[in-house]
């Protein structure tokens, strides 16, 4: 059935002719105009995870990314330091039973392990001081301007936390294992202490490398101070 829609003319009293309007709606519906409009609206309202799961990460507030990076940098660094102290300390205590002389000079291995946790504290303080807050932040569909800059800064801070945290974790394990071997070797042959100490120094430098790179990365994270 085809309805011919006449040009719209208001009535003499200024009101609309409802018959013509109804004919126009029927005509549009039968010729697919309404269906096309509904399809267009449905495409706009379609959730983004049907095409890519990356939008789930994009929807997370950048300030949450930043504080997660701080937590990872500090927490994982402390984990690496504790792991190293656990390995070294147990060997020093065990070896000190038969050779008490190793208990004092092998404490340098404990200091190297503790330095790993200090690296995490330093980088966490630097990261926390870089965060500039805003009254409210809602992740837009297409971030522009200060919002895009804030989101990039949040991702950058998260990557800084991963770089520093993982570097210090492996550094702490390395220093702990080498320090444990140093204590046990010193108990048997005292001349091995200086040679093993050099190995520990190089192992401790691994965490320092992560801190240096983390500071350089953190310089690229700029939070615009937007309070309105």
N, C-alpha and C. Protein backbone atom coordinates (compact mmCIF):
# COMPACT_ATOMS: atom_id res chain seq x y z
N UNK A 1 0.84 -1.18 0.00
CA UNK A 1 0.00 0.00 0.00
C UNK A 1 0.88 1.24 0.00
N UNK A 2 0.59 2.21 -0.85
CA UNK A 2 1.40 3.41 -1.00
C UNK A 2 0.55 4.61 -0.65
N UNK A 3 1.05 5.43 0.22
CA UNK A 3 0.37 6.67 0.59
C UNK A 3 1.12 7.83 -0.03
N UNK A 4 0.40 8.65 -0.75
CA UNK A 4 0.98 9.85 -1.36
C UNK A 4 0.80 10.99 -0.38
N UNK A 5 1.93 11.55 0.02
CA UNK A 5 1.91 12.62 1.01
C UNK A 5 1.90 13.95 0.29
N UNK A 6 0.90 14.74 0.57
CA UNK A 6 0.79 16.06 -0.05
C UNK A 6 1.67 17.06 0.69
N UNK A 7 2.04 18.15 0.07
CA UNK A 7 2.82 19.18 0.77
C UNK A 7 2.08 19.64 2.01
N UNK A 8 2.84 19.92 3.08
CA UNK A 8 2.25 20.29 4.36
C UNK A 8 1.83 21.74 4.33
N UNK A 9 0.56 21.98 4.67
CA UNK A 9 0.02 23.33 4.81
C UNK A 9 -0.78 23.38 6.09
N UNK A 10 -0.50 24.32 6.96
CA UNK A 10 -1.30 24.43 8.19
C UNK A 10 -2.71 24.87 7.88
N UNK A 11 -3.61 24.55 8.78
CA UNK A 11 -4.99 24.95 8.62
C UNK A 11 -5.14 26.45 8.83
N UNK A 12 -6.32 26.90 8.59
CA UNK A 12 -6.57 28.33 8.69
C UNK A 12 -6.36 28.85 10.11
N UNK A 13 -6.64 28.03 11.13
CA UNK A 13 -6.46 28.48 12.51
C UNK A 13 -5.04 28.28 13.01
N UNK A 14 -4.09 27.86 12.13
CA UNK A 14 -2.70 27.70 12.53
C UNK A 14 -2.36 26.32 13.04
N UNK A 15 -3.33 25.43 13.20
CA UNK A 15 -3.05 24.08 13.70
C UNK A 15 -2.65 23.18 12.55
N UNK A 16 -2.05 22.02 12.92
CA UNK A 16 -1.57 21.08 11.91
C UNK A 16 -2.69 20.13 11.50
N UNK A 17 -2.61 19.71 10.27
CA UNK A 17 -3.53 18.71 9.76
C UNK A 17 -3.00 17.33 10.17
N UNK A 18 -3.58 16.69 11.17
CA UNK A 18 -3.10 15.42 11.70
C UNK A 18 -3.18 14.31 10.68
N UNK A 19 -4.08 14.41 9.74
CA UNK A 19 -4.19 13.38 8.72
C UNK A 19 -2.96 13.32 7.84
N UNK A 20 -2.45 14.48 7.46
CA UNK A 20 -1.25 14.52 6.64
C UNK A 20 -0.04 14.01 7.42
N UNK A 21 0.05 14.34 8.72
CA UNK A 21 1.17 13.87 9.52
C UNK A 21 1.15 12.36 9.65
N UNK A 22 -0.03 11.78 9.88
CA UNK A 22 -0.13 10.32 9.99
C UNK A 22 0.26 9.66 8.69
N UNK A 23 -0.16 10.24 7.54
CA UNK A 23 0.22 9.68 6.25
C UNK A 23 1.75 9.71 6.07
N UNK A 24 2.40 10.79 6.55
CA UNK A 24 3.86 10.89 6.43
C UNK A 24 4.57 9.83 7.26
N UNK A 25 4.06 9.57 8.46
CA UNK A 25 4.68 8.56 9.31
C UNK A 25 4.55 7.18 8.68
N UNK A 26 3.37 6.86 8.12
CA UNK A 26 3.16 5.56 7.48
C UNK A 26 4.06 5.42 6.27
N UNK A 27 4.20 6.49 5.50
CA UNK A 27 5.04 6.46 4.31
C UNK A 27 6.51 6.21 4.68
N UNK A 28 6.98 6.89 5.71
CA UNK A 28 8.37 6.72 6.13
C UNK A 28 8.63 5.31 6.66
N UNK A 29 7.67 4.79 7.41
CA UNK A 29 7.85 3.46 7.98
C UNK A 29 7.88 2.40 6.90
N UNK A 30 7.00 2.55 5.86
CA UNK A 30 6.94 1.54 4.81
C UNK A 30 8.15 1.59 3.88
N UNK A 31 8.83 2.72 3.85
CA UNK A 31 9.97 2.85 2.94
C UNK A 31 11.32 2.76 3.65
N UNK A 32 11.28 2.31 4.88
CA UNK A 32 12.52 1.98 5.56
C UNK A 32 13.25 3.13 6.22
N UNK A 33 12.69 4.34 6.24
CA UNK A 33 13.39 5.48 6.83
C UNK A 33 13.53 5.30 8.35
N UNK A 34 12.47 4.86 8.99
CA UNK A 34 12.52 4.66 10.43
C UNK A 34 13.48 3.52 10.78
N UNK A 35 13.45 2.44 10.00
CA UNK A 35 14.33 1.31 10.25
C UNK A 35 15.80 1.72 10.14
N UNK A 36 16.12 2.55 9.13
CA UNK A 36 17.50 2.99 8.97
C UNK A 36 17.93 3.87 10.14
N UNK A 37 17.01 4.73 10.60
CA UNK A 37 17.35 5.59 11.73
C UNK A 37 17.57 4.77 13.01
N UNK A 38 16.73 3.77 13.23
CA UNK A 38 16.90 2.91 14.41
C UNK A 38 18.21 2.15 14.34
N UNK A 39 18.58 1.68 13.16
CA UNK A 39 19.84 0.96 13.01
C UNK A 39 21.03 1.86 13.30
N UNK A 40 20.94 3.12 12.87
CA UNK A 40 22.03 4.07 13.14
C UNK A 40 22.17 4.34 14.62
N UNK A 41 21.06 4.50 15.32
CA UNK A 41 21.09 4.72 16.77
C UNK A 41 21.66 3.50 17.48
N UNK A 42 21.29 2.30 17.02
CA UNK A 42 21.80 1.08 17.64
C UNK A 42 23.31 0.95 17.49
N UNK A 43 23.85 1.37 16.34
CA UNK A 43 25.29 1.31 16.14
C UNK A 43 26.02 2.27 17.08
N UNK A 44 25.43 3.43 17.32
CA UNK A 44 26.05 4.38 18.24
C UNK A 44 26.04 3.84 19.65
N UNK A 45 24.91 3.22 20.04
CA UNK A 45 24.77 2.72 21.40
C UNK A 45 25.48 1.39 21.63
N UNK A 46 26.04 0.80 20.58
CA UNK A 46 26.69 -0.49 20.71
C UNK A 46 27.93 -0.37 21.60
N UNK A 47 28.07 -1.28 22.52
CA UNK A 47 29.22 -1.24 23.42
C UNK A 47 30.50 -1.54 22.67
N UNK A 48 31.62 -0.89 23.13
CA UNK A 48 32.85 -0.97 22.37
C UNK A 48 33.55 -2.31 22.53
N UNK A 49 33.26 -3.07 23.59
CA UNK A 49 33.99 -4.32 23.78
C UNK A 49 33.61 -5.38 22.77
N UNK A 50 32.57 -5.15 21.96
CA UNK A 50 32.24 -6.09 20.90
C UNK A 50 33.27 -6.05 19.78
N UNK A 51 34.02 -4.97 19.67
CA UNK A 51 35.05 -4.85 18.64
C UNK A 51 36.46 -4.94 19.22
N UNK A 52 36.66 -4.47 20.45
CA UNK A 52 37.99 -4.49 21.06
C UNK A 52 37.85 -4.41 22.57
N UNK A 53 38.60 -5.27 23.27
CA UNK A 53 38.60 -5.25 24.73
C UNK A 53 39.52 -4.16 25.29
N UNK A 54 40.26 -3.49 24.43
CA UNK A 54 41.14 -2.42 24.91
C UNK A 54 40.34 -1.26 25.49
N UNK A 55 39.08 -1.11 25.05
CA UNK A 55 38.29 0.00 25.58
C UNK A 55 37.99 -0.18 27.06
N UNK A 56 38.06 -1.41 27.56
CA UNK A 56 37.87 -1.64 28.98
C UNK A 56 38.98 -0.95 29.77
N UNK A 57 40.21 -1.04 29.27
CA UNK A 57 41.33 -0.38 29.94
C UNK A 57 41.26 1.13 29.74
N UNK A 58 40.77 1.57 28.60
CA UNK A 58 40.65 3.00 28.36
C UNK A 58 39.60 3.64 29.25
N UNK A 59 38.62 2.86 29.69
CA UNK A 59 37.56 3.41 30.53
C UNK A 59 37.98 3.58 31.98
N UNK A 60 39.13 3.02 32.38
CA UNK A 60 39.59 3.14 33.76
C UNK A 60 40.14 4.54 33.98
N UNK A 61 39.81 5.12 35.11
CA UNK A 61 40.25 6.47 35.44
C UNK A 61 41.78 6.53 35.46
N UNK A 62 42.39 7.54 34.82
CA UNK A 62 43.86 7.62 34.79
C UNK A 62 44.48 7.79 36.17
N UNK A 63 43.74 8.37 37.11
CA UNK A 63 44.30 8.50 38.45
C UNK A 63 44.40 7.14 39.14
N UNK A 64 43.51 6.23 38.78
CA UNK A 64 43.63 4.87 39.31
C UNK A 64 44.86 4.18 38.73
N UNK A 65 45.11 4.38 37.42
CA UNK A 65 46.32 3.84 36.82
C UNK A 65 47.56 4.36 37.55
N UNK A 66 47.56 5.64 37.88
CA UNK A 66 48.72 6.25 38.53
C UNK A 66 48.97 5.65 39.90
N UNK A 67 47.92 5.54 40.71
CA UNK A 67 48.11 5.01 42.05
C UNK A 67 48.39 3.51 42.04
N UNK A 68 47.90 2.82 41.02
CA UNK A 68 48.30 1.41 40.87
C UNK A 68 49.79 1.30 40.56
N UNK A 69 50.30 2.22 39.73
CA UNK A 69 51.73 2.23 39.45
C UNK A 69 52.56 2.49 40.69
N UNK A 70 52.10 3.41 41.54
CA UNK A 70 52.82 3.69 42.80
C UNK A 70 52.80 2.45 43.69
N UNK A 71 51.65 1.81 43.78
CA UNK A 71 51.56 0.61 44.63
C UNK A 71 52.45 -0.51 44.12
N UNK A 72 52.52 -0.68 42.80
CA UNK A 72 53.37 -1.73 42.23
C UNK A 72 54.84 -1.41 42.47
N UNK A 73 55.23 -0.14 42.24
CA UNK A 73 56.64 0.24 42.42
C UNK A 73 57.09 0.00 43.86
N UNK A 74 56.26 0.40 44.82
CA UNK A 74 56.65 0.25 46.22
C UNK A 74 56.49 -1.19 46.70
N UNK A 75 55.35 -1.79 46.43
CA UNK A 75 55.07 -3.12 46.95
C UNK A 75 55.98 -4.19 46.39
N UNK A 76 56.19 -4.18 45.07
CA UNK A 76 57.03 -5.21 44.47
C UNK A 76 58.49 -5.02 44.85
N UNK A 77 58.92 -3.76 45.02
CA UNK A 77 60.29 -3.50 45.47
C UNK A 77 60.51 -4.03 46.87
N UNK A 78 59.55 -3.80 47.75
CA UNK A 78 59.66 -4.32 49.12
C UNK A 78 59.64 -5.85 49.10
N UNK A 79 58.84 -6.43 48.20
CA UNK A 79 58.83 -7.89 48.07
C UNK A 79 60.20 -8.43 47.68
N UNK A 80 60.85 -7.77 46.71
CA UNK A 80 62.18 -8.21 46.31
C UNK A 80 63.20 -8.06 47.43
N UNK A 81 63.11 -6.94 48.18
CA UNK A 81 64.04 -6.74 49.30
C UNK A 81 63.82 -7.79 50.38
N UNK A 82 62.56 -8.06 50.70
CA UNK A 82 62.27 -9.05 51.74
C UNK A 82 62.73 -10.45 51.32
N UNK A 83 62.55 -10.78 50.06
CA UNK A 83 62.98 -12.08 49.54
C UNK A 83 64.50 -12.22 49.66
N UNK A 84 65.23 -11.17 49.27
CA UNK A 84 66.67 -11.22 49.36
C UNK A 84 67.18 -11.32 50.79
N UNK A 85 66.56 -10.54 51.70
CA UNK A 85 66.96 -10.61 53.11
C UNK A 85 66.66 -11.98 53.69
N UNK A 86 65.55 -12.56 53.29
CA UNK A 86 65.20 -13.91 53.76
C UNK A 86 66.26 -14.93 53.35
N UNK A 87 66.70 -14.86 52.08
CA UNK A 87 67.69 -15.82 51.60
C UNK A 87 69.06 -15.59 52.26
N UNK A 88 69.47 -14.32 52.28
CA UNK A 88 70.80 -14.03 52.85
C UNK A 88 70.83 -14.23 54.35
N UNK A 89 69.82 -13.74 55.03
CA UNK A 89 69.80 -13.80 56.48
C UNK A 89 69.82 -15.22 57.01
N UNK A 90 69.07 -16.10 56.37
CA UNK A 90 69.05 -17.48 56.84
C UNK A 90 70.41 -18.15 56.67
N UNK A 91 71.11 -17.81 55.58
CA UNK A 91 72.44 -18.40 55.37
C UNK A 91 73.46 -17.83 56.36
N UNK A 92 73.35 -16.53 56.67
CA UNK A 92 74.29 -15.93 57.62
C UNK A 92 74.09 -16.54 59.01
N UNK A 93 72.82 -16.69 59.40
CA UNK A 93 72.54 -17.28 60.73
C UNK A 93 73.01 -18.73 60.78
N UNK A 94 72.73 -19.49 59.71
CA UNK A 94 73.14 -20.89 59.70
C UNK A 94 74.65 -21.06 59.66
N UNK A 95 75.33 -20.28 58.80
CA UNK A 95 76.77 -20.39 58.70
C UNK A 95 77.49 -19.82 59.91
N UNK A 96 76.87 -18.86 60.60
CA UNK A 96 77.49 -18.25 61.77
C UNK A 96 77.58 -19.18 62.95
N UNK A 97 76.87 -20.29 62.92
CA UNK A 97 76.96 -21.25 64.03
C UNK A 97 78.34 -21.90 64.05
N UNK A 98 78.85 -22.28 62.88
CA UNK A 98 80.16 -22.92 62.80
C UNK A 98 81.30 -21.90 62.64
N UNK A 99 80.98 -20.74 62.00
CA UNK A 99 82.00 -19.70 61.79
C UNK A 99 81.42 -18.36 62.22
N UNK A 100 81.50 -18.03 63.49
CA UNK A 100 80.90 -16.78 64.00
C UNK A 100 81.47 -15.52 63.37
N UNK A 101 82.66 -15.58 62.80
CA UNK A 101 83.30 -14.39 62.24
C UNK A 101 82.56 -13.84 61.02
N UNK A 102 81.73 -14.65 60.36
CA UNK A 102 81.05 -14.19 59.14
C UNK A 102 79.82 -13.35 59.45
N UNK A 103 79.37 -13.36 60.67
CA UNK A 103 78.09 -12.72 61.01
C UNK A 103 78.14 -11.22 60.86
N UNK A 104 79.29 -10.59 61.08
CA UNK A 104 79.37 -9.13 61.04
C UNK A 104 79.64 -8.61 59.62
N UNK A 105 80.66 -9.11 58.96
CA UNK A 105 81.03 -8.56 57.65
C UNK A 105 80.05 -8.95 56.55
N UNK A 106 79.33 -10.03 56.72
CA UNK A 106 78.34 -10.40 55.70
C UNK A 106 77.03 -9.63 55.83
N UNK A 107 76.94 -8.76 56.82
CA UNK A 107 75.75 -7.91 56.91
C UNK A 107 75.67 -6.92 55.76
N UNK A 108 76.77 -6.74 55.04
CA UNK A 108 76.73 -5.87 53.87
C UNK A 108 75.74 -6.41 52.83
N UNK A 109 75.56 -7.73 52.79
CA UNK A 109 74.57 -8.30 51.87
C UNK A 109 73.15 -7.88 52.26
N UNK A 110 72.90 -7.79 53.55
CA UNK A 110 71.58 -7.32 54.02
C UNK A 110 71.36 -5.87 53.62
N UNK A 111 72.43 -5.06 53.68
CA UNK A 111 72.32 -3.65 53.30
C UNK A 111 71.98 -3.52 51.82
N UNK A 112 72.62 -4.34 50.99
CA UNK A 112 72.32 -4.31 49.56
C UNK A 112 70.86 -4.66 49.29
N UNK A 113 70.35 -5.64 50.02
CA UNK A 113 68.94 -6.02 49.85
C UNK A 113 68.01 -4.90 50.32
N UNK A 114 68.38 -4.27 51.42
CA UNK A 114 67.53 -3.18 51.93
C UNK A 114 67.53 -1.99 50.98
N UNK A 115 68.62 -1.79 50.26
CA UNK A 115 68.68 -0.69 49.29
C UNK A 115 67.63 -0.86 48.19
N UNK A 116 67.27 -2.09 47.90
CA UNK A 116 66.24 -2.33 46.88
C UNK A 116 64.91 -1.74 47.32
N UNK A 117 64.54 -1.92 48.58
CA UNK A 117 63.31 -1.33 49.09
C UNK A 117 63.39 0.20 49.09
N UNK A 118 64.57 0.74 49.37
CA UNK A 118 64.74 2.20 49.36
C UNK A 118 64.54 2.75 47.96
N UNK A 119 65.00 2.02 46.95
CA UNK A 119 64.76 2.44 45.56
C UNK A 119 63.25 2.58 45.30
N UNK A 120 62.48 1.60 45.78
CA UNK A 120 61.03 1.67 45.57
C UNK A 120 60.40 2.83 46.30
N UNK A 121 60.87 3.13 47.50
CA UNK A 121 60.33 4.27 48.26
C UNK A 121 60.63 5.57 47.54
N UNK A 122 61.85 5.71 47.03
CA UNK A 122 62.24 6.95 46.34
C UNK A 122 61.37 7.19 45.11
N UNK A 123 61.21 6.16 44.28
CA UNK A 123 60.44 6.34 43.05
C UNK A 123 58.97 6.54 43.35
N UNK A 124 58.46 5.93 44.43
CA UNK A 124 57.06 6.13 44.80
C UNK A 124 56.80 7.57 45.24
N UNK A 125 57.75 8.16 45.96
CA UNK A 125 57.61 9.56 46.36
C UNK A 125 57.64 10.48 45.15
N UNK A 126 58.54 10.20 44.21
CA UNK A 126 58.62 11.02 42.99
C UNK A 126 57.31 10.93 42.20
N UNK A 127 56.77 9.73 42.09
CA UNK A 127 55.52 9.54 41.33
C UNK A 127 54.35 10.24 42.02
N UNK A 128 54.27 10.13 43.34
CA UNK A 128 53.16 10.74 44.06
C UNK A 128 53.19 12.25 43.96
N UNK A 129 54.37 12.84 43.90
CA UNK A 129 54.48 14.30 43.81
C UNK A 129 54.14 14.83 42.43
N UNK A 130 54.09 13.97 41.43
CA UNK A 130 53.78 14.41 40.07
C UNK A 130 52.29 14.46 39.79
N UNK A 131 51.48 13.85 40.64
CA UNK A 131 50.04 13.78 40.38
C UNK A 131 49.39 15.10 40.74
N UNK A 132 48.69 15.67 39.77
CA UNK A 132 47.89 16.88 39.99
C UNK A 132 46.43 16.49 39.83
N UNK A 133 45.62 16.78 40.82
CA UNK A 133 44.24 16.34 40.81
C UNK A 133 43.31 17.30 40.09
N UNK A 134 42.09 16.86 39.88
CA UNK A 134 41.02 17.69 39.34
C UNK A 134 39.76 17.39 40.13
N UNK A 135 38.82 18.30 40.09
CA UNK A 135 37.61 18.11 40.87
C UNK A 135 36.85 16.86 40.47
N UNK A 136 36.73 16.63 39.17
CA UNK A 136 36.06 15.43 38.68
C UNK A 136 36.65 15.10 37.32
N UNK A 137 36.80 13.80 37.07
CA UNK A 137 37.33 13.36 35.78
C UNK A 137 36.48 12.22 35.29
N UNK A 138 35.86 12.41 34.14
CA UNK A 138 35.09 11.37 33.49
C UNK A 138 35.76 11.04 32.16
N UNK A 139 36.00 9.77 31.94
CA UNK A 139 36.69 9.35 30.72
C UNK A 139 35.78 9.60 29.52
N UNK A 140 36.16 10.51 28.62
CA UNK A 140 35.30 10.79 27.46
C UNK A 140 35.46 9.73 26.38
N UNK A 141 34.50 9.72 25.44
CA UNK A 141 34.57 8.78 24.33
C UNK A 141 35.76 9.08 23.43
N UNK A 142 36.00 10.37 23.18
CA UNK A 142 37.14 10.80 22.39
C UNK A 142 37.89 11.86 23.20
N UNK A 143 38.87 11.46 24.01
CA UNK A 143 39.57 12.42 24.85
C UNK A 143 40.38 13.41 24.02
N UNK A 144 40.31 14.66 24.42
CA UNK A 144 41.04 15.72 23.74
C UNK A 144 41.58 16.68 24.79
N UNK A 145 42.62 17.40 24.43
CA UNK A 145 43.14 18.44 25.30
C UNK A 145 43.69 17.90 26.61
N UNK A 146 43.28 18.54 27.71
CA UNK A 146 43.82 18.17 29.03
C UNK A 146 43.37 16.78 29.45
N UNK A 147 42.20 16.32 28.97
CA UNK A 147 41.75 14.98 29.32
C UNK A 147 42.63 13.91 28.68
N UNK A 148 42.98 14.08 27.42
CA UNK A 148 43.88 13.14 26.75
C UNK A 148 45.26 13.15 27.41
N UNK A 149 45.73 14.33 27.79
CA UNK A 149 47.03 14.42 28.45
C UNK A 149 47.02 13.72 29.80
N UNK A 150 45.90 13.82 30.52
CA UNK A 150 45.79 13.16 31.81
C UNK A 150 45.77 11.65 31.66
N UNK A 151 45.07 11.14 30.64
CA UNK A 151 45.01 9.70 30.43
C UNK A 151 46.38 9.14 30.05
N UNK A 152 47.12 9.84 29.20
CA UNK A 152 48.46 9.40 28.84
C UNK A 152 49.37 9.40 30.06
N UNK A 153 49.24 10.42 30.91
CA UNK A 153 50.07 10.49 32.11
C UNK A 153 49.76 9.32 33.05
N UNK A 154 48.49 8.93 33.15
CA UNK A 154 48.13 7.80 34.00
C UNK A 154 48.74 6.50 33.52
N UNK A 155 48.68 6.27 32.21
CA UNK A 155 49.30 5.05 31.65
C UNK A 155 50.82 5.08 31.83
N UNK A 156 51.41 6.25 31.69
CA UNK A 156 52.86 6.37 31.84
C UNK A 156 53.26 6.04 33.28
N UNK A 157 52.50 6.53 34.25
CA UNK A 157 52.83 6.26 35.65
C UNK A 157 52.69 4.77 35.97
N UNK A 158 51.71 4.13 35.37
CA UNK A 158 51.55 2.69 35.58
C UNK A 158 52.76 1.93 35.03
N UNK A 159 53.25 2.33 33.86
CA UNK A 159 54.42 1.66 33.27
C UNK A 159 55.67 1.93 34.10
N UNK A 160 55.77 3.12 34.70
CA UNK A 160 56.89 3.41 35.59
C UNK A 160 56.89 2.44 36.77
N UNK A 161 55.70 2.21 37.34
CA UNK A 161 55.60 1.28 38.46
C UNK A 161 56.02 -0.13 38.06
N UNK A 162 55.62 -0.56 36.86
CA UNK A 162 56.03 -1.89 36.40
C UNK A 162 57.55 -1.97 36.20
N UNK A 163 58.12 -0.94 35.57
CA UNK A 163 59.56 -0.96 35.30
C UNK A 163 60.37 -1.04 36.59
N UNK A 164 60.05 -0.15 37.53
CA UNK A 164 60.81 -0.10 38.77
C UNK A 164 60.53 -1.32 39.65
N UNK A 165 59.26 -1.69 39.76
CA UNK A 165 58.91 -2.81 40.63
C UNK A 165 59.53 -4.12 40.19
N UNK A 166 59.41 -4.44 38.90
CA UNK A 166 59.98 -5.71 38.41
C UNK A 166 61.50 -5.70 38.46
N UNK A 167 62.12 -4.55 38.14
CA UNK A 167 63.58 -4.47 38.22
C UNK A 167 64.06 -4.72 39.64
N UNK A 168 63.40 -4.11 40.61
CA UNK A 168 63.81 -4.29 42.00
C UNK A 168 63.49 -5.68 42.53
N UNK A 169 62.44 -6.30 42.01
CA UNK A 169 62.12 -7.66 42.43
C UNK A 169 63.24 -8.62 42.05
N UNK A 170 63.64 -8.58 40.79
CA UNK A 170 64.70 -9.48 40.33
C UNK A 170 66.05 -9.10 40.93
N UNK A 171 66.24 -7.80 41.16
CA UNK A 171 67.49 -7.37 41.80
C UNK A 171 67.58 -7.92 43.22
N UNK A 172 66.48 -7.86 43.97
CA UNK A 172 66.49 -8.38 45.33
C UNK A 172 66.75 -9.87 45.37
N UNK A 173 66.15 -10.62 44.44
CA UNK A 173 66.39 -12.07 44.40
C UNK A 173 67.85 -12.35 44.05
N UNK A 174 68.39 -11.59 43.09
CA UNK A 174 69.78 -11.80 42.68
C UNK A 174 70.74 -11.54 43.84
N UNK A 175 70.54 -10.41 44.53
CA UNK A 175 71.42 -10.09 45.64
C UNK A 175 71.25 -11.09 46.78
N UNK A 176 70.03 -11.55 47.01
CA UNK A 176 69.79 -12.52 48.08
C UNK A 176 70.48 -13.85 47.83
N UNK A 177 70.37 -14.34 46.59
CA UNK A 177 71.00 -15.63 46.28
C UNK A 177 72.53 -15.52 46.32
N UNK A 178 73.06 -14.45 45.71
CA UNK A 178 74.52 -14.28 45.73
C UNK A 178 75.04 -14.00 47.13
N UNK A 179 74.26 -13.26 47.93
CA UNK A 179 74.67 -13.01 49.31
C UNK A 179 74.64 -14.27 50.15
N UNK A 180 73.69 -15.13 49.89
CA UNK A 180 73.64 -16.40 50.59
C UNK A 180 74.86 -17.25 50.26
N UNK A 181 75.21 -17.31 48.97
CA UNK A 181 76.41 -18.06 48.58
C UNK A 181 77.67 -17.44 49.14
N UNK A 182 77.69 -16.10 49.23
CA UNK A 182 78.86 -15.41 49.78
C UNK A 182 79.05 -15.78 51.25
N UNK A 183 77.97 -15.82 52.02
CA UNK A 183 78.07 -16.16 53.44
C UNK A 183 78.56 -17.59 53.62
N UNK A 184 78.00 -18.52 52.86
CA UNK A 184 78.41 -19.92 53.01
C UNK A 184 79.83 -20.15 52.50
N UNK A 185 80.21 -19.46 51.42
CA UNK A 185 81.57 -19.60 50.92
C UNK A 185 82.59 -18.98 51.86
N UNK A 186 82.21 -17.85 52.48
CA UNK A 186 83.12 -17.22 53.43
C UNK A 186 83.34 -18.09 54.66
N UNK A 187 82.33 -18.84 55.03
CA UNK A 187 82.47 -19.73 56.19
C UNK A 187 83.50 -20.83 55.93
N UNK A 188 83.63 -21.25 54.68
CA UNK A 188 84.58 -22.31 54.33
C UNK A 188 85.94 -21.74 53.95
N UNK A 189 85.91 -20.68 53.10
CA UNK A 189 87.17 -20.10 52.62
C UNK A 189 87.06 -18.58 52.72
N UNK A 190 87.71 -17.96 53.68
CA UNK A 190 87.58 -16.51 53.88
C UNK A 190 88.04 -15.68 52.69
N UNK A 191 88.92 -16.17 51.86
CA UNK A 191 89.42 -15.38 50.73
C UNK A 191 88.37 -15.19 49.64
N UNK A 192 87.27 -15.92 49.71
CA UNK A 192 86.20 -15.77 48.71
C UNK A 192 85.31 -14.57 48.97
N UNK A 193 85.41 -13.96 50.13
CA UNK A 193 84.45 -12.90 50.49
C UNK A 193 84.53 -11.71 49.54
N UNK A 194 85.73 -11.21 49.29
CA UNK A 194 85.88 -10.02 48.44
C UNK A 194 85.41 -10.31 47.01
N UNK A 195 85.73 -11.48 46.51
CA UNK A 195 85.32 -11.83 45.15
C UNK A 195 83.80 -11.93 45.03
N UNK A 196 83.16 -12.54 46.01
CA UNK A 196 81.70 -12.65 45.99
C UNK A 196 81.04 -11.30 46.22
N UNK A 197 81.74 -10.41 46.94
CA UNK A 197 81.18 -9.08 47.17
C UNK A 197 81.07 -8.29 45.87
N UNK A 198 82.01 -8.50 44.97
CA UNK A 198 81.94 -7.84 43.66
C UNK A 198 80.72 -8.32 42.89
N UNK A 199 80.42 -9.61 42.98
CA UNK A 199 79.23 -10.14 42.33
C UNK A 199 77.96 -9.49 42.89
N UNK A 200 77.92 -9.31 44.19
CA UNK A 200 76.75 -8.67 44.80
C UNK A 200 76.61 -7.21 44.37
N UNK A 201 77.72 -6.51 44.21
CA UNK A 201 77.66 -5.11 43.79
C UNK A 201 77.05 -5.00 42.39
N UNK A 202 77.48 -5.88 41.49
CA UNK A 202 76.92 -5.86 40.14
C UNK A 202 75.44 -6.26 40.16
N UNK A 203 75.08 -7.20 41.02
CA UNK A 203 73.67 -7.57 41.13
C UNK A 203 72.83 -6.44 41.68
N UNK A 204 73.37 -5.67 42.63
CA UNK A 204 72.63 -4.55 43.20
C UNK A 204 72.43 -3.43 42.20
N UNK A 205 73.32 -3.34 41.21
CA UNK A 205 73.20 -2.28 40.20
C UNK A 205 71.98 -2.48 39.30
N UNK A 206 71.45 -3.69 39.23
CA UNK A 206 70.29 -3.94 38.38
C UNK A 206 69.09 -3.11 38.82
N UNK A 207 68.87 -3.03 40.12
CA UNK A 207 67.77 -2.21 40.62
C UNK A 207 67.99 -0.74 40.36
N UNK A 208 69.23 -0.30 40.44
CA UNK A 208 69.54 1.10 40.17
C UNK A 208 69.26 1.47 38.73
N UNK A 209 69.50 0.54 37.82
CA UNK A 209 69.17 0.78 36.41
C UNK A 209 67.67 1.01 36.25
N UNK A 210 66.87 0.19 36.94
CA UNK A 210 65.42 0.37 36.86
C UNK A 210 64.96 1.71 37.40
N UNK A 211 65.59 2.17 38.48
CA UNK A 211 65.22 3.46 39.06
C UNK A 211 65.56 4.60 38.10
N UNK A 212 66.73 4.53 37.47
CA UNK A 212 67.13 5.59 36.53
C UNK A 212 66.16 5.68 35.36
N UNK A 213 65.84 4.53 34.78
CA UNK A 213 64.90 4.52 33.66
C UNK A 213 63.51 4.95 34.12
N UNK A 214 63.12 4.56 35.34
CA UNK A 214 61.82 4.96 35.86
C UNK A 214 61.70 6.46 36.03
N UNK A 215 62.76 7.11 36.49
CA UNK A 215 62.74 8.56 36.65
C UNK A 215 62.61 9.24 35.29
N UNK A 216 63.31 8.72 34.29
CA UNK A 216 63.21 9.28 32.94
C UNK A 216 61.80 9.11 32.40
N UNK A 217 61.21 7.93 32.63
CA UNK A 217 59.83 7.71 32.19
C UNK A 217 58.86 8.64 32.90
N UNK A 218 59.06 8.82 34.20
CA UNK A 218 58.15 9.67 34.97
C UNK A 218 58.18 11.11 34.51
N UNK A 219 59.28 11.57 33.94
CA UNK A 219 59.35 12.94 33.44
C UNK A 219 58.41 13.16 32.26
N UNK A 220 58.02 12.08 31.58
CA UNK A 220 57.08 12.21 30.48
C UNK A 220 55.63 12.25 30.90
N UNK A 221 55.36 12.01 32.18
CA UNK A 221 53.98 12.04 32.68
C UNK A 221 53.69 13.42 33.26
N UNK A 222 52.82 14.16 32.61
CA UNK A 222 52.46 15.51 33.04
C UNK A 222 50.96 15.58 33.28
N UNK A 223 50.58 15.83 34.52
CA UNK A 223 49.17 15.97 34.86
C UNK A 223 48.80 17.45 34.83
N UNK A 224 47.96 17.87 33.90
CA UNK A 224 47.56 19.28 33.88
C UNK A 224 46.70 19.61 35.09
N UNK A 225 46.97 20.76 35.69
CA UNK A 225 46.21 21.17 36.86
C UNK A 225 44.91 21.80 36.39
N UNK A 226 43.86 21.00 36.40
CA UNK A 226 42.54 21.43 35.89
C UNK A 226 41.54 21.26 37.03
N UNK A 227 41.12 22.36 37.63
CA UNK A 227 40.23 22.31 38.78
C UNK A 227 38.82 22.76 38.46
N UNK A 228 38.47 22.93 37.21
CA UNK A 228 37.12 23.39 36.88
C UNK A 228 36.61 22.59 35.69
